[in-house]
Structure formats: C-alpha cells, structure tokens
Amino acid sequence: MSETLATFLTDIGVSQENITKAEKLNRAGKSDELQTVLRTCRCGLIEEMHRVQKKVDTLDYLLTQIQKGDIL
C-alpha cells in the first residue's frame, strides 16, 4: 500500500516531506495521524484551488469587459 500511497500523493502534488511522513505513519499503522496529515494536504489543495479560481474569475471579468467594448 505504501508505494500506492506515495504514487497517489505524488500525482496530486503533495510535498516529498509530507509523502515521507505519510508513508512512515502508514507503515506504523498510525491511521489517525495519517488521516491528519492527509487532511492537512487536502486543506492546502483547497486553498490553492481558491487562489486559482480567483485568477479565473479575474480573467472572466476581463473577457466580459472586452466583449462589451469596455477595454480597460
């Protein structure tokens, strides 16, 4: 499972530090602590998603303004 866990975490962009931590907790059978690490990673991804969504919203605004002929 650890190789699979590392693969999943790598694929979603989790830091090597957190991957190593998660693997150690998994091998030690510390599922509560592992879940805490994964939830922390999840929160980081959600924050990143919100930052990117804000950028998309700004681009949408600019495109709308251009379509209206109100070029800034």
PDB file of N, CA and C in Angstrom:
ATOM      1  N   MET A   1       0.829  -1.212   0.000  1.00  0.00           N
ATOM      2  CA  MET A   1       0.000   0.000   0.000  1.00  0.00           C
ATOM      3  C   MET A   1       0.857   1.254   0.000  1.00  0.00           C
ATOM      4  N   SER A   2       2.023   1.193   0.611  1.00  0.00           N
ATOM      5  CA  SER A   2       2.847   2.389   0.742  1.00  0.00           C
ATOM      6  C   SER A   2       3.281   2.930  -0.610  1.00  0.00           C
ATOM      7  N   GLU A   3       3.658   2.047  -1.542  1.00  0.00           N
ATOM      8  CA  GLU A   3       4.032   2.522  -2.871  1.00  0.00           C
ATOM      9  C   GLU A   3       2.838   3.158  -3.556  1.00  0.00           C
ATOM     10  N   THR A   4       1.690   2.570  -3.393  1.00  0.00           N
ATOM     11  CA  THR A   4       0.480   3.140  -3.978  1.00  0.00           C
ATOM     12  C   THR A   4       0.164   4.481  -3.338  1.00  0.00           C
ATOM     13  N   LEU A   5       0.291   4.558  -2.030  1.00  0.00           N
ATOM     14  CA  LEU A   5       0.054   5.808  -1.311  1.00  0.00           C
ATOM     15  C   LEU A   5       0.989   6.892  -1.832  1.00  0.00           C
ATOM     16  N   ALA A   6       2.272   6.565  -1.944  1.00  0.00           N
ATOM     17  CA  ALA A   6       3.248   7.536  -2.440  1.00  0.00           C
ATOM     18  C   ALA A   6       2.914   7.974  -3.865  1.00  0.00           C
ATOM     19  N   THR A   7       2.481   7.041  -4.688  1.00  0.00           N
ATOM     20  CA  THR A   7       2.126   7.366  -6.071  1.00  0.00           C
ATOM     21  C   THR A   7       0.941   8.323  -6.114  1.00  0.00           C
ATOM     22  N   PHE A   8      -0.088   8.007  -5.343  1.00  0.00           N
ATOM     23  CA  PHE A   8      -1.253   8.894  -5.296  1.00  0.00           C
ATOM     24  C   PHE A   8      -0.850  10.294  -4.840  1.00  0.00           C
ATOM     25  N   LEU A   9      -0.085  10.371  -3.771  1.00  0.00           N
ATOM     26  CA  LEU A   9       0.289  11.671  -3.208  1.00  0.00           C
ATOM     27  C   LEU A   9       1.189  12.454  -4.162  1.00  0.00           C
ATOM     28  N   THR A  10       2.091  11.752  -4.839  1.00  0.00           N
ATOM     29  CA  THR A  10       2.950  12.411  -5.828  1.00  0.00           C
ATOM     30  C   THR A  10       2.114  12.971  -6.972  1.00  0.00           C
ATOM     31  N   ASP A  11       1.166  12.172  -7.435  1.00  0.00           N
ATOM     32  CA  ASP A  11       0.317  12.583  -8.556  1.00  0.00           C
ATOM     33  C   ASP A  11      -0.496  13.835  -8.260  1.00  0.00           C
ATOM     34  N   ILE A  12      -0.853  14.051  -6.999  1.00  0.00           N
ATOM     35  CA  ILE A  12      -1.651  15.233  -6.676  1.00  0.00           C
ATOM     36  C   ILE A  12      -0.807  16.400  -6.173  1.00  0.00           C
ATOM     37  N   GLY A  13       0.516  16.230  -6.192  1.00  0.00           N
ATOM     38  CA  GLY A  13       1.402  17.345  -5.894  1.00  0.00           C
ATOM     39  C   GLY A  13       1.733  17.552  -4.429  1.00  0.00           C
ATOM     40  N   VAL A  14       1.597  16.504  -3.623  1.00  0.00           N
ATOM     41  CA  VAL A  14       1.953  16.604  -2.203  1.00  0.00           C
ATOM     42  C   VAL A  14       3.474  16.682  -2.096  1.00  0.00           C
ATOM     43  N   SER A  15       3.953  17.480  -1.156  1.00  0.00           N
ATOM     44  CA  SER A  15       5.396  17.644  -0.980  1.00  0.00           C
ATOM     45  C   SER A  15       6.047  16.320  -0.582  1.00  0.00           C
ATOM     46  N   GLN A  16       7.311  16.189  -0.941  1.00  0.00           N
ATOM     47  CA  GLN A  16       8.054  14.972  -0.590  1.00  0.00           C
ATOM     48  C   GLN A  16       8.093  14.784   0.925  1.00  0.00           C
ATOM     49  N   GLU A  17       8.192  15.871   1.650  1.00  0.00           N
ATOM     50  CA  GLU A  17       8.207  15.805   3.116  1.00  0.00           C
ATOM     51  C   GLU A  17       6.922  15.150   3.640  1.00  0.00           C
ATOM     52  N   ASN A  18       5.787  15.573   3.129  1.00  0.00           N
ATOM     53  CA  ASN A  18       4.519  15.001   3.573  1.00  0.00           C
ATOM     54  C   ASN A  18       4.327  13.573   3.077  1.00  0.00           C
ATOM     55  N   ILE A  19       4.858  13.263   1.907  1.00  0.00           N
ATOM     56  CA  ILE A  19       4.780  11.886   1.410  1.00  0.00           C
ATOM     57  C   ILE A  19       5.567  10.961   2.330  1.00  0.00           C
ATOM     58  N   THR A  20       6.766  11.369   2.683  1.00  0.00           N
ATOM     59  CA  THR A  20       7.600  10.566   3.581  1.00  0.00           C
ATOM     60  C   THR A  20       6.910  10.382   4.925  1.00  0.00           C
ATOM     61  N   LYS A  21       6.356  11.463   5.454  1.00  0.00           N
ATOM     62  CA  LYS A  21       5.648  11.395   6.728  1.00  0.00           C
ATOM     63  C   LYS A  21       4.455  10.439   6.645  1.00  0.00           C
ATOM     64  N   ALA A  22       3.692  10.552   5.567  1.00  0.00           N
ATOM     65  CA  ALA A  22       2.517   9.699   5.385  1.00  0.00           C
ATOM     66  C   ALA A  22       2.915   8.236   5.266  1.00  0.00           C
ATOM     67  N   GLU A  23       3.976   7.959   4.533  1.00  0.00           N
ATOM     68  CA  GLU A  23       4.436   6.581   4.388  1.00  0.00           C
ATOM     69  C   GLU A  23       4.854   5.988   5.731  1.00  0.00           C
ATOM     70  N   LYS A  24       5.574   6.766   6.533  1.00  0.00           N
ATOM     71  CA  LYS A  24       6.013   6.284   7.854  1.00  0.00           C
ATOM     72  C   LYS A  24       4.812   5.992   8.744  1.00  0.00           C
ATOM     73  N   LEU A  25       3.853   6.902   8.742  1.00  0.00           N
ATOM     74  CA  LEU A  25       2.654   6.694   9.564  1.00  0.00           C
ATOM     75  C   LEU A  25       1.867   5.481   9.084  1.00  0.00           C
ATOM     76  N   ASN A  26       1.792   5.303   7.774  1.00  0.00           N
ATOM     77  CA  ASN A  26       1.085   4.158   7.205  1.00  0.00           C
ATOM     78  C   ASN A  26       1.750   2.849   7.616  1.00  0.00           C
ATOM     79  N   ARG A  27       3.080   2.801   7.483  1.00  0.00           N
ATOM     80  CA  ARG A  27       3.813   1.589   7.865  1.00  0.00           C
ATOM     81  C   ARG A  27       3.667   1.284   9.351  1.00  0.00           C
ATOM     82  N   ALA A  28       3.578   2.344  10.164  1.00  0.00           N
ATOM     83  CA  ALA A  28       3.456   2.162  11.613  1.00  0.00           C
ATOM     84  C   ALA A  28       2.016   1.864  12.032  1.00  0.00           C
ATOM     85  N   GLY A  29       1.098   1.904  11.072  1.00  0.00           N
ATOM     86  CA  GLY A  29      -0.301   1.626  11.391  1.00  0.00           C
ATOM     87  C   GLY A  29      -0.987   2.742  12.161  1.00  0.00           C
ATOM     88  N   LYS A  30      -0.436   3.939  12.064  1.00  0.00           N
ATOM     89  CA  LYS A  30      -0.992   5.091  12.784  1.00  0.00           C
ATOM     90  C   LYS A  30      -2.000   5.817  11.892  1.00  0.00           C
ATOM     91  N   SER A  31      -3.163   5.207  11.740  1.00  0.00           N
ATOM     92  CA  SER A  31      -4.140   5.736  10.788  1.00  0.00           C
ATOM     93  C   SER A  31      -4.703   7.088  11.199  1.00  0.00           C
ATOM     94  N   ASP A  32      -4.858   7.333  12.497  1.00  0.00           N
ATOM     95  CA  ASP A  32      -5.370   8.646  12.924  1.00  0.00           C
ATOM     96  C   ASP A  32      -4.414   9.765  12.527  1.00  0.00           C
ATOM     97  N   GLU A  33      -3.122   9.537  12.788  1.00  0.00           N
ATOM     98  CA  GLU A  33      -2.128  10.542  12.425  1.00  0.00           C
ATOM     99  C   GLU A  33      -2.014  10.685  10.914  1.00  0.00           C
ATOM    100  N   LEU A  34      -2.115   9.559  10.201  1.00  0.00           N
ATOM    101  CA  LEU A  34      -2.078   9.590   8.740  1.00  0.00           C
ATOM    102  C   LEU A  34      -3.238  10.414   8.197  1.00  0.00           C
ATOM    103  N   GLN A  35      -4.410  10.217   8.758  1.00  0.00           N
ATOM    104  CA  GLN A  35      -5.568  10.992   8.316  1.00  0.00           C
ATOM    105  C   GLN A  35      -5.365  12.480   8.576  1.00  0.00           C
ATOM    106  N   THR A  36      -4.728  12.825   9.675  1.00  0.00           N
ATOM    107  CA  THR A  36      -4.454  14.230   9.971  1.00  0.00           C
ATOM    108  C   THR A  36      -3.536  14.834   8.915  1.00  0.00           C
ATOM    109  N   VAL A  37      -2.498  14.107   8.544  1.00  0.00           N
ATOM    110  CA  VAL A  37      -1.573  14.593   7.513  1.00  0.00           C
ATOM    111  C   VAL A  37      -2.313  14.762   6.187  1.00  0.00           C
ATOM    112  N   LEU A  38      -3.121  13.774   5.829  1.00  0.00           N
ATOM    113  CA  LEU A  38      -3.843  13.842   4.557  1.00  0.00           C
ATOM    114  C   LEU A  38      -4.874  14.966   4.555  1.00  0.00           C
ATOM    115  N   ARG A  39      -5.518  15.196   5.688  1.00  0.00           N
ATOM    116  CA  ARG A  39      -6.474  16.314   5.770  1.00  0.00           C
ATOM    117  C   ARG A  39      -5.770  17.658   5.638  1.00  0.00           C
ATOM    118  N   THR A  40      -4.573  17.754   6.207  1.00  0.00           N
ATOM    119  CA  THR A  40      -3.782  18.979   6.073  1.00  0.00           C
ATOM    120  C   THR A  40      -3.415  19.209   4.607  1.00  0.00           C
ATOM    121  N   CYS A  41      -3.026  18.143   3.928  1.00  0.00           N
ATOM    122  CA  CYS A  41      -2.718  18.245   2.492  1.00  0.00           C
ATOM    123  C   CYS A  41      -3.954  18.669   1.709  1.00  0.00           C
ATOM    124  N   ARG A  42      -5.092  18.111   2.074  1.00  0.00           N
ATOM    125  CA  ARG A  42      -6.353  18.441   1.411  1.00  0.00           C
ATOM    126  C   ARG A  42      -6.670  19.924   1.570  1.00  0.00           C
ATOM    127  N   CYS A  43      -6.496  20.436   2.782  1.00  0.00           N
ATOM    128  CA  CYS A  43      -6.757  21.865   3.022  1.00  0.00           C
ATOM    129  C   CYS A  43      -5.846  22.737   2.163  1.00  0.00           C
ATOM    130  N   GLY A  44      -4.594  22.327   2.043  1.00  0.00           N
ATOM    131  CA  GLY A  44      -3.673  23.072   1.192  1.00  0.00           C
ATOM    132  C   GLY A  44      -4.115  23.085  -0.255  1.00  0.00           C
ATOM    133  N   LEU A  45      -4.599  21.945  -0.743  1.00  0.00           N
ATOM    134  CA  LEU A  45      -5.088  21.878  -2.118  1.00  0.00           C
ATOM    135  C   LEU A  45      -6.330  22.739  -2.318  1.00  0.00           C
ATOM    136  N   ILE A  46      -7.207  22.758  -1.329  1.00  0.00           N
ATOM    137  CA  ILE A  46      -8.411  23.592  -1.433  1.00  0.00           C
ATOM    138  C   ILE A  46      -8.036  25.072  -1.455  1.00  0.00           C
ATOM    139  N   GLU A  47      -7.065  25.468  -0.628  1.00  0.00           N
ATOM    140  CA  GLU A  47      -6.611  26.857  -0.643  1.00  0.00           C
ATOM    141  C   GLU A  47      -6.020  27.204  -2.006  1.00  0.00           C
ATOM    142  N   GLU A  48      -5.236  26.291  -2.568  1.00  0.00           N
ATOM    143  CA  GLU A  48      -4.658  26.508  -3.895  1.00  0.00           C
ATOM    144  C   GLU A  48      -5.765  26.633  -4.944  1.00  0.00           C
ATOM    145  N   MET A  49      -6.776  25.794  -4.837  1.00  0.00           N
ATOM    146  CA  MET A  49      -7.896  25.839  -5.769  1.00  0.00           C
ATOM    147  C   MET A  49      -8.600  27.194  -5.693  1.00  0.00           C
ATOM    148  N   HIS A  50      -8.770  27.724  -4.501  1.00  0.00           N
ATOM    149  CA  HIS A  50      -9.423  29.026  -4.341  1.00  0.00           C
ATOM    150  C   HIS A  50      -8.580  30.145  -4.958  1.00  0.00           C
ATOM    151  N   ARG A  51      -7.259  30.065  -4.786  1.00  0.00           N
ATOM    152  CA  ARG A  51      -6.381  31.074  -5.402  1.00  0.00           C
ATOM    153  C   ARG A  51      -6.490  31.033  -6.922  1.00  0.00           C
ATOM    154  N   VAL A  52      -6.508  29.833  -7.471  1.00  0.00           N
ATOM    155  CA  VAL A  52      -6.618  29.687  -8.924  1.00  0.00           C
ATOM    156  C   VAL A  52      -7.997  30.132  -9.404  1.00  0.00           C
ATOM    157  N   GLN A  53      -9.051  29.812  -8.644  1.00  0.00           N
ATOM    158  CA  GLN A  53     -10.401  30.228  -9.025  1.00  0.00           C
ATOM    159  C   GLN A  53     -10.509  31.747  -9.082  1.00  0.00           C
ATOM    160  N   LYS A  54      -9.833  32.423  -8.155  1.00  0.00           N
ATOM    161  CA  LYS A  54      -9.838  33.888  -8.150  1.00  0.00           C
ATOM    162  C   LYS A  54      -9.202  34.431  -9.436  1.00  0.00           C
ATOM    163  N   LYS A  55      -8.146  33.774  -9.883  1.00  0.00           N
ATOM    164  CA  LYS A  55      -7.493  34.187 -11.129  1.00  0.00           C
ATOM    165  C   LYS A  55      -8.417  33.968 -12.320  1.00  0.00           C
ATOM    166  N   VAL A  56      -9.099  32.829 -12.336  1.00  0.00           N
ATOM    167  CA  VAL A  56     -10.044  32.531 -13.419  1.00  0.00           C
ATOM    168  C   VAL A  56     -11.165  33.565 -13.430  1.00  0.00           C
ATOM    169  N   ASP A  57     -11.674  33.905 -12.246  1.00  0.00           N
ATOM    170  CA  ASP A  57     -12.727  34.912 -12.151  1.00  0.00           C
ATOM    171  C   ASP A  57     -12.266  36.256 -12.707  1.00  0.00           C
ATOM    172  N   THR A  58     -11.030  36.628 -12.430  1.00  0.00           N
ATOM    173  CA  THR A  58     -10.490  37.881 -12.949  1.00  0.00           C
ATOM    174  C   THR A  58     -10.395  37.842 -14.469  1.00  0.00           C
ATOM    175  N   LEU A  59      -9.941  36.721 -15.010  1.00  0.00           N
ATOM    176  CA  LEU A  59      -9.886  36.587 -16.471  1.00  0.00           C
ATOM    177  C   LEU A  59     -11.281  36.646 -17.080  1.00  0.00           C
ATOM    178  N   ASP A  60     -12.249  36.004 -16.442  1.00  0.00           N
ATOM    179  CA  ASP A  60     -13.628  36.066 -16.931  1.00  0.00           C
ATOM    180  C   ASP A  60     -14.136  37.503 -16.946  1.00  0.00           C
ATOM    181  N   TYR A  61     -13.816  38.253 -15.907  1.00  0.00           N
ATOM    182  CA  TYR A  61     -14.213  39.661 -15.840  1.00  0.00           C
ATOM    183  C   TYR A  61     -13.591  40.442 -17.000  1.00  0.00           C
ATOM    184  N   LEU A  62     -12.297  40.234 -17.227  1.00  0.00           N
ATOM    185  CA  LEU A  62     -11.620  40.940 -18.315  1.00  0.00           C
ATOM    186  C   LEU A  62     -12.220  40.576 -19.669  1.00  0.00           C
ATOM    187  N   LEU A  63     -12.495  39.301 -19.881  1.00  0.00           N
ATOM    188  CA  LEU A  63     -13.108  38.877 -21.144  1.00  0.00           C
ATOM    189  C   LEU A  63     -14.479  39.511 -21.337  1.00  0.00           C
ATOM    190  N   THR A  64     -15.264  39.587 -20.277  1.00  0.00           N
ATOM    191  CA  THR A  64     -16.586  40.212 -20.350  1.00  0.00           C
ATOM    192  C   THR A  64     -16.460  41.687 -20.695  1.00  0.00           C
ATOM    193  N   GLN A  65     -15.519  42.368 -20.069  1.00  0.00           N
ATOM    194  CA  GLN A  65     -15.315  43.789 -20.341  1.00  0.00           C
ATOM    195  C   GLN A  65     -14.902  44.017 -21.792  1.00  0.00           C
ATOM    196  N   ILE A  66     -14.041  43.148 -22.301  1.00  0.00           N
ATOM    197  CA  ILE A  66     -13.598  43.267 -23.684  1.00  0.00           C
ATOM    198  C   ILE A  66     -14.766  43.028 -24.634  1.00  0.00           C
ATOM    199  N   GLN A  67     -15.574  42.020 -24.351  1.00  0.00           N
ATOM    200  CA  GLN A  67     -16.743  41.722 -25.200  1.00  0.00           C
ATOM    201  C   GLN A  67     -17.732  42.883 -25.211  1.00  0.00           C
ATOM    202  N   LYS A  68     -17.839  43.590 -24.096  1.00  0.00           N
ATOM    203  CA  LYS A  68     -18.741  44.747 -24.018  1.00  0.00           C
ATOM    204  C   LYS A  68     -18.146  45.970 -24.710  1.00  0.00           C
ATOM    205  N   GLY A  69     -16.881  45.876 -25.053  1.00  0.00           N
ATOM    206  CA  GLY A  69     -16.212  47.030 -25.649  1.00  0.00           C
ATOM    207  C   GLY A  69     -15.628  47.976 -24.616  1.00  0.00           C
ATOM    208  N   ASP A  70     -15.665  47.564 -23.382  1.00  0.00           N
ATOM    209  CA  ASP A  70     -15.127  48.383 -22.287  1.00  0.00           C
ATOM    210  C   ASP A  70     -13.714  47.940 -21.939  1.00  0.00           C
ATOM    211  N   ILE A  71     -12.839  48.043 -22.916  1.00  0.00           N
ATOM    212  CA  ILE A  71     -11.464  47.626 -22.691  1.00  0.00           C
ATOM    213  C   ILE A  71     -10.826  48.579 -21.699  1.00  0.00           C
ATOM    214  N   LEU A  72     -10.188  48.012 -20.713  1.00  0.00           N
ATOM    215  CA  LEU A  72      -9.637  48.806 -19.609  1.00  0.00           C
ATOM    216  C   LEU A  72      -8.580  49.756 -20.056  1.00  0.00           C
TER     217      LEU A  72
END
